[in-house]
Amino acid sequence: MREFEVTVTEMLKKKVVIEAETAQEAEIEATERWYDGDYIIDGKNFAGVTFAVKEVQREPERGGEQER
């Protein structure tokens, strides 16, 4: 049987309105508010999921060699 590594990525999304002079200032303000815990993003903000699969590569077994 082969083995696969599956990475599950969940995406959460929340829109907020920020008053600022520039987009950069708005981004900084939103970032600071998020770090301060003003925005709680949880399962209610679910925006999607992706699955990425790759096969686990195994080293070929060495036949007939003994460990020393």
PDB file of N, CA and C in Angstrom:
ATOM      1  N   MET A   1       0.845  -1.176   0.000  1.00  0.00           N
ATOM      2  CA  MET A   1       0.000   0.000   0.000  1.00  0.00           C
ATOM      3  C   MET A   1       0.893   1.243   0.000  1.00  0.00           C
ATOM      4  N   ARG A   2       0.532   2.247  -0.779  1.00  0.00           N
ATOM      5  CA  ARG A   2       1.302   3.485  -0.851  1.00  0.00           C
ATOM      6  C   ARG A   2       0.828   4.451   0.236  1.00  0.00           C
ATOM      7  N   GLU A   3       1.680   5.417   0.584  1.00  0.00           N
ATOM      8  CA  GLU A   3       1.332   6.425   1.585  1.00  0.00           C
ATOM      9  C   GLU A   3       1.301   7.798   0.930  1.00  0.00           C
ATOM     10  N   PHE A   4       0.372   8.629   1.409  1.00  0.00           N
ATOM     11  CA  PHE A   4       0.214   9.970   0.878  1.00  0.00           C
ATOM     12  C   PHE A   4       0.157  10.970   2.026  1.00  0.00           C
ATOM     13  N   GLU A   5       0.757  12.102   1.801  1.00  0.00           N
ATOM     14  CA  GLU A   5       0.682  13.211   2.744  1.00  0.00           C
ATOM     15  C   GLU A   5      -0.380  14.169   2.209  1.00  0.00           C
ATOM     16  N   VAL A   6      -1.384  14.436   3.022  1.00  0.00           N
ATOM     17  CA  VAL A   6      -2.472  15.327   2.614  1.00  0.00           C
ATOM     18  C   VAL A   6      -2.429  16.572   3.497  1.00  0.00           C
ATOM     19  N   THR A   7      -2.295  17.729   2.878  1.00  0.00           N
ATOM     20  CA  THR A   7      -2.324  18.995   3.603  1.00  0.00           C
ATOM     21  C   THR A   7      -3.714  19.598   3.452  1.00  0.00           C
ATOM     22  N   VAL A   8      -4.367  19.827   4.578  1.00  0.00           N
ATOM     23  CA  VAL A   8      -5.699  20.417   4.596  1.00  0.00           C
ATOM     24  C   VAL A   8      -5.544  21.872   5.026  1.00  0.00           C
ATOM     25  N   THR A   9      -5.992  22.796   4.181  1.00  0.00           N
ATOM     26  CA  THR A   9      -5.897  24.215   4.476  1.00  0.00           C
ATOM     27  C   THR A   9      -7.300  24.807   4.538  1.00  0.00           C
ATOM     28  N   GLU A  10      -7.660  25.319   5.705  1.00  0.00           N
ATOM     29  CA  GLU A  10      -8.950  25.980   5.862  1.00  0.00           C
ATOM     30  C   GLU A  10      -8.740  27.486   5.747  1.00  0.00           C
ATOM     31  N   MET A  11      -9.663  28.145   5.093  1.00  0.00           N
ATOM     32  CA  MET A  11      -9.567  29.591   4.935  1.00  0.00           C
ATOM     33  C   MET A  11     -10.719  30.263   5.675  1.00  0.00           C
ATOM     34  N   LEU A  12     -10.364  31.261   6.440  1.00  0.00           N
ATOM     35  CA  LEU A  12     -11.343  32.079   7.145  1.00  0.00           C
ATOM     36  C   LEU A  12     -11.228  33.495   6.609  1.00  0.00           C
ATOM     37  N   LYS A  13     -12.364  34.191   6.513  1.00  0.00           N
ATOM     38  CA  LYS A  13     -12.334  35.538   5.944  1.00  0.00           C
ATOM     39  C   LYS A  13     -13.313  36.429   6.692  1.00  0.00           C
ATOM     40  N   LYS A  14     -12.878  37.646   6.984  1.00  0.00           N
ATOM     41  CA  LYS A  14     -13.736  38.630   7.646  1.00  0.00           C
ATOM     42  C   LYS A  14     -13.456  39.987   7.011  1.00  0.00           C
ATOM     43  N   LYS A  15     -14.496  40.695   6.643  1.00  0.00           N
ATOM     44  CA  LYS A  15     -14.339  42.043   6.092  1.00  0.00           C
ATOM     45  C   LYS A  15     -14.632  43.057   7.183  1.00  0.00           C
ATOM     46  N   VAL A  16     -13.774  44.076   7.272  1.00  0.00           N
ATOM     47  CA  VAL A  16     -13.964  45.158   8.233  1.00  0.00           C
ATOM     48  C   VAL A  16     -13.810  46.479   7.489  1.00  0.00           C
ATOM     49  N   VAL A  17     -14.418  47.509   8.011  1.00  0.00           N
ATOM     50  CA  VAL A  17     -14.318  48.838   7.409  1.00  0.00           C
ATOM     51  C   VAL A  17     -13.419  49.691   8.294  1.00  0.00           C
ATOM     52  N   ILE A  18     -12.415  50.298   7.673  1.00  0.00           N
ATOM     53  CA  ILE A  18     -11.440  51.131   8.378  1.00  0.00           C
ATOM     54  C   ILE A  18     -11.450  52.514   7.726  1.00  0.00           C
ATOM     55  N   GLU A  19     -11.522  53.563   8.521  1.00  0.00           N
ATOM     56  CA  GLU A  19     -11.370  54.919   8.006  1.00  0.00           C
ATOM     57  C   GLU A  19      -9.898  55.297   8.101  1.00  0.00           C
ATOM     58  N   ALA A  20      -9.328  55.711   6.957  1.00  0.00           N
ATOM     59  CA  ALA A  20      -7.908  56.072   6.917  1.00  0.00           C
ATOM     60  C   ALA A  20      -7.659  56.979   5.720  1.00  0.00           C
ATOM     61  N   GLU A  21      -6.492  57.612   5.708  1.00  0.00           N
ATOM     62  CA  GLU A  21      -6.110  58.492   4.595  1.00  0.00           C
ATOM     63  C   GLU A  21      -5.672  57.691   3.369  1.00  0.00           C
ATOM     64  N   THR A  22      -5.024  56.534   3.598  1.00  0.00           N
ATOM     65  CA  THR A  22      -4.520  55.727   2.484  1.00  0.00           C
ATOM     66  C   THR A  22      -4.817  54.250   2.740  1.00  0.00           C
ATOM     67  N   ALA A  23      -4.725  53.466   1.675  1.00  0.00           N
ATOM     68  CA  ALA A  23      -4.911  52.025   1.801  1.00  0.00           C
ATOM     69  C   ALA A  23      -3.864  51.422   2.730  1.00  0.00           C
ATOM     70  N   GLN A  24      -2.638  51.920   2.652  1.00  0.00           N
ATOM     71  CA  GLN A  24      -1.562  51.404   3.507  1.00  0.00           C
ATOM     72  C   GLN A  24      -1.882  51.666   4.984  1.00  0.00           C
ATOM     73  N   GLU A  25      -2.367  52.854   5.291  1.00  0.00           N
ATOM     74  CA  GLU A  25      -2.743  53.162   6.671  1.00  0.00           C
ATOM     75  C   GLU A  25      -3.887  52.265   7.138  1.00  0.00           C
ATOM     76  N   ALA A  26      -4.839  52.002   6.255  1.00  0.00           N
ATOM     77  CA  ALA A  26      -5.961  51.123   6.600  1.00  0.00           C
ATOM     78  C   ALA A  26      -5.466  49.714   6.897  1.00  0.00           C
ATOM     79  N   GLU A  27      -4.520  49.238   6.095  1.00  0.00           N
ATOM     80  CA  GLU A  27      -3.968  47.902   6.323  1.00  0.00           C
ATOM     81  C   GLU A  27      -3.225  47.837   7.653  1.00  0.00           C
ATOM     82  N   ILE A  28      -2.449  48.866   7.954  1.00  0.00           N
ATOM     83  CA  ILE A  28      -1.714  48.905   9.217  1.00  0.00           C
ATOM     84  C   ILE A  28      -2.685  48.910  10.392  1.00  0.00           C
ATOM     85  N   GLU A  29      -3.728  49.726  10.298  1.00  0.00           N
ATOM     86  CA  GLU A  29      -4.724  49.798  11.371  1.00  0.00           C
ATOM     87  C   GLU A  29      -5.421  48.450  11.562  1.00  0.00           C
ATOM     88  N   ALA A  30      -5.813  47.819  10.463  1.00  0.00           N
ATOM     89  CA  ALA A  30      -6.478  46.514  10.556  1.00  0.00           C
ATOM     90  C   ALA A  30      -5.544  45.470  11.160  1.00  0.00           C
ATOM     91  N   THR A  31      -4.283  45.505  10.763  1.00  0.00           N
ATOM     92  CA  THR A  31      -3.298  44.562  11.307  1.00  0.00           C
ATOM     93  C   THR A  31      -3.142  44.758  12.814  1.00  0.00           C
ATOM     94  N   GLU A  32      -3.023  46.001  13.236  1.00  0.00           N
ATOM     95  CA  GLU A  32      -2.876  46.291  14.670  1.00  0.00           C
ATOM     96  C   GLU A  32      -4.113  45.840  15.450  1.00  0.00           C
ATOM     97  N   ARG A  33      -5.284  46.125  14.889  1.00  0.00           N
ATOM     98  CA  ARG A  33      -6.521  45.717  15.571  1.00  0.00           C
ATOM     99  C   ARG A  33      -6.624  44.194  15.663  1.00  0.00           C
ATOM    100  N   TRP A  34      -6.189  43.509  14.609  1.00  0.00           N
ATOM    101  CA  TRP A  34      -6.236  42.040  14.634  1.00  0.00           C
ATOM    102  C   TRP A  34      -5.304  41.499  15.718  1.00  0.00           C
ATOM    103  N   TYR A  35      -4.069  42.033  15.762  1.00  0.00           N
ATOM    104  CA  TYR A  35      -3.117  41.596  16.782  1.00  0.00           C
ATOM    105  C   TYR A  35      -3.599  41.923  18.192  1.00  0.00           C
ATOM    106  N   ASP A  36      -4.347  42.999  18.338  1.00  0.00           N
ATOM    107  CA  ASP A  36      -4.900  43.379  19.636  1.00  0.00           C
ATOM    108  C   ASP A  36      -6.119  42.548  20.019  1.00  0.00           C
ATOM    109  N   GLY A  37      -6.583  41.677  19.106  1.00  0.00           N
ATOM    110  CA  GLY A  37      -7.719  40.817  19.401  1.00  0.00           C
ATOM    111  C   GLY A  37      -9.077  41.458  19.150  1.00  0.00           C
ATOM    112  N   ASP A  38      -9.093  42.575  18.422  1.00  0.00           N
ATOM    113  CA  ASP A  38     -10.355  43.237  18.126  1.00  0.00           C
ATOM    114  C   ASP A  38     -11.202  42.451  17.122  1.00  0.00           C
ATOM    115  N   TYR A  39     -10.563  41.650  16.292  1.00  0.00           N
ATOM    116  CA  TYR A  39     -11.278  40.856  15.297  1.00  0.00           C
ATOM    117  C   TYR A  39     -11.139  39.385  15.668  1.00  0.00           C
ATOM    118  N   ILE A  40     -12.251  38.750  15.963  1.00  0.00           N
ATOM    119  CA  ILE A  40     -12.244  37.324  16.252  1.00  0.00           C
ATOM    120  C   ILE A  40     -12.739  36.614  14.994  1.00  0.00           C
ATOM    121  N   ILE A  41     -11.863  35.847  14.417  1.00  0.00           N
ATOM    122  CA  ILE A  41     -12.195  35.125  13.188  1.00  0.00           C
ATOM    123  C   ILE A  41     -12.321  33.664  13.568  1.00  0.00           C
ATOM    124  N   ASP A  42     -13.533  33.121  13.385  1.00  0.00           N
ATOM    125  CA  ASP A  42     -13.787  31.745  13.787  1.00  0.00           C
ATOM    126  C   ASP A  42     -14.554  31.008  12.691  1.00  0.00           C
ATOM    127  N   GLY A  43     -15.132  29.875  13.042  1.00  0.00           N
ATOM    128  CA  GLY A  43     -15.829  29.042  12.077  1.00  0.00           C
ATOM    129  C   GLY A  43     -16.968  29.740  11.352  1.00  0.00           C
ATOM    130  N   LYS A  44     -17.538  30.773  11.947  1.00  0.00           N
ATOM    131  CA  LYS A  44     -18.595  31.529  11.273  1.00  0.00           C
ATOM    132  C   LYS A  44     -18.056  32.274  10.056  1.00  0.00           C
ATOM    133  N   ASN A  45     -16.737  32.449   9.992  1.00  0.00           N
ATOM    134  CA  ASN A  45     -16.100  33.156   8.894  1.00  0.00           C
ATOM    135  C   ASN A  45     -15.470  32.208   7.876  1.00  0.00           C
ATOM    136  N   PHE A  46     -15.914  30.960   7.884  1.00  0.00           N
ATOM    137  CA  PHE A  46     -15.361  29.947   6.981  1.00  0.00           C
ATOM    138  C   PHE A  46     -15.545  30.375   5.529  1.00  0.00           C
ATOM    139  N   ALA A  47     -14.466  30.330   4.746  1.00  0.00           N
ATOM    140  CA  ALA A  47     -14.513  30.772   3.352  1.00  0.00           C
ATOM    141  C   ALA A  47     -14.119  29.670   2.374  1.00  0.00           C
ATOM    142  N   GLY A  48     -13.684  28.515   2.868  1.00  0.00           N
ATOM    143  CA  GLY A  48     -13.330  27.438   1.959  1.00  0.00           C
ATOM    144  C   GLY A  48     -12.239  26.548   2.509  1.00  0.00           C
ATOM    145  N   VAL A  49     -11.996  25.484   1.761  1.00  0.00           N
ATOM    146  CA  VAL A  49     -10.968  24.521   2.157  1.00  0.00           C
ATOM    147  C   VAL A  49     -10.306  23.977   0.897  1.00  0.00           C
ATOM    148  N   THR A  50      -9.024  23.674   0.991  1.00  0.00           N
ATOM    149  CA  THR A  50      -8.311  23.022  -0.109  1.00  0.00           C
ATOM    150  C   THR A  50      -7.575  21.810   0.440  1.00  0.00           C
ATOM    151  N   PHE A  51      -7.341  20.858  -0.430  1.00  0.00           N
ATOM    152  CA  PHE A  51      -6.606  19.649  -0.091  1.00  0.00           C
ATOM    153  C   PHE A  51      -5.484  19.486  -1.105  1.00  0.00           C
ATOM    154  N   ALA A  52      -4.276  19.325  -0.632  1.00  0.00           N
ATOM    155  CA  ALA A  52      -3.122  19.100  -1.499  1.00  0.00           C
ATOM    156  C   ALA A  52      -2.532  17.742  -1.134  1.00  0.00           C
ATOM    157  N   VAL A  53      -2.367  16.890  -2.135  1.00  0.00           N
ATOM    158  CA  VAL A  53      -1.908  15.523  -1.894  1.00  0.00           C
ATOM    159  C   VAL A  53      -0.590  15.289  -2.607  1.00  0.00           C
ATOM    160  N   LYS A  54       0.351  14.673  -1.890  1.00  0.00           N
ATOM    161  CA  LYS A  54       1.583  14.233  -2.541  1.00  0.00           C
ATOM    162  C   LYS A  54       1.960  12.881  -1.971  1.00  0.00           C
ATOM    163  N   GLU A  55       2.524  12.065  -2.815  1.00  0.00           N
ATOM    164  CA  GLU A  55       2.914  10.726  -2.385  1.00  0.00           C
ATOM    165  C   GLU A  55       4.181  10.809  -1.549  1.00  0.00           C
ATOM    166  N   VAL A  56       4.210  10.038  -0.474  1.00  0.00           N
ATOM    167  CA  VAL A  56       5.382   9.966   0.388  1.00  0.00           C
ATOM    168  C   VAL A  56       6.411   9.098  -0.319  1.00  0.00           C
ATOM    169  N   GLN A  57       7.601   9.647  -0.502  1.00  0.00           N
ATOM    170  CA  GLN A  57       8.672   8.907  -1.170  1.00  0.00           C
ATOM    171  C   GLN A  57       9.488   8.164  -0.127  1.00  0.00           C
ATOM    172  N   ARG A  58       9.587   6.893  -0.290  1.00  0.00           N
ATOM    173  CA  ARG A  58      10.362   6.048   0.628  1.00  0.00           C
ATOM    174  C   ARG A  58      11.722   5.750   0.018  1.00  0.00           C
ATOM    175  N   GLU A  59      12.718   5.665   0.893  1.00  0.00           N
ATOM    176  CA  GLU A  59      14.040   5.239   0.455  1.00  0.00           C
ATOM    177  C   GLU A  59      13.955   3.765   0.076  1.00  0.00           C
ATOM    178  N   PRO A  60      14.557   3.381  -1.009  1.00  0.00           N
ATOM    179  CA  PRO A  60      14.536   1.952  -1.363  1.00  0.00           C
ATOM    180  C   PRO A  60      15.223   1.133  -0.278  1.00  0.00           C
ATOM    181  N   GLU A  61      14.635   0.000   0.032  1.00  0.00           N
ATOM    182  CA  GLU A  61      15.242  -0.876   1.051  1.00  0.00           C
ATOM    183  C   GLU A  61      16.482  -1.517   0.472  1.00  0.00           C
ATOM    184  N   ARG A  62      17.520  -1.566   1.311  1.00  0.00           N
ATOM    185  CA  ARG A  62      18.763  -2.198   0.871  1.00  0.00           C
ATOM    186  C   ARG A  62      18.687  -3.665   1.218  1.00  0.00           C
ATOM    187  N   GLY A  63      18.780  -4.494   0.236  1.00  0.00           N
ATOM    188  CA  GLY A  63      18.721  -5.934   0.475  1.00  0.00           C
ATOM    189  C   GLY A  63      20.090  -6.525   0.674  1.00  0.00           C
ATOM    190  N   GLY A  64      20.196  -7.407   1.630  1.00  0.00           N
ATOM    191  CA  GLY A  64      21.425  -8.169   1.808  1.00  0.00           C
ATOM    192  C   GLY A  64      22.521  -7.482   2.593  1.00  0.00           C
ATOM    193  N   GLU A  65      22.391  -6.199   2.907  1.00  0.00           N
ATOM    194  CA  GLU A  65      23.459  -5.533   3.686  1.00  0.00           C
ATOM    195  C   GLU A  65      23.176  -5.658   5.160  1.00  0.00           C
ATOM    196  N   GLN A  66      24.234  -5.863   5.935  1.00  0.00           N
ATOM    197  CA  GLN A  66      24.086  -5.952   7.384  1.00  0.00           C
ATOM    198  C   GLN A  66      24.634  -4.685   8.016  1.00  0.00           C
ATOM    199  N   GLU A  67      23.962  -4.224   9.088  1.00  0.00           N
ATOM    200  CA  GLU A  67      24.472  -3.069   9.813  1.00  0.00           C
ATOM    201  C   GLU A  67      25.663  -3.485  10.653  1.00  0.00           C
ATOM    202  N   ARG A  68      26.608  -2.604  10.815  1.00  0.00           N
ATOM    203  CA  ARG A  68      27.797  -2.887  11.625  1.00  0.00           C
ATOM    204  C   ARG A  68      27.822  -2.011  12.819  1.00  0.00           C
TER     205      ARG A  68
END
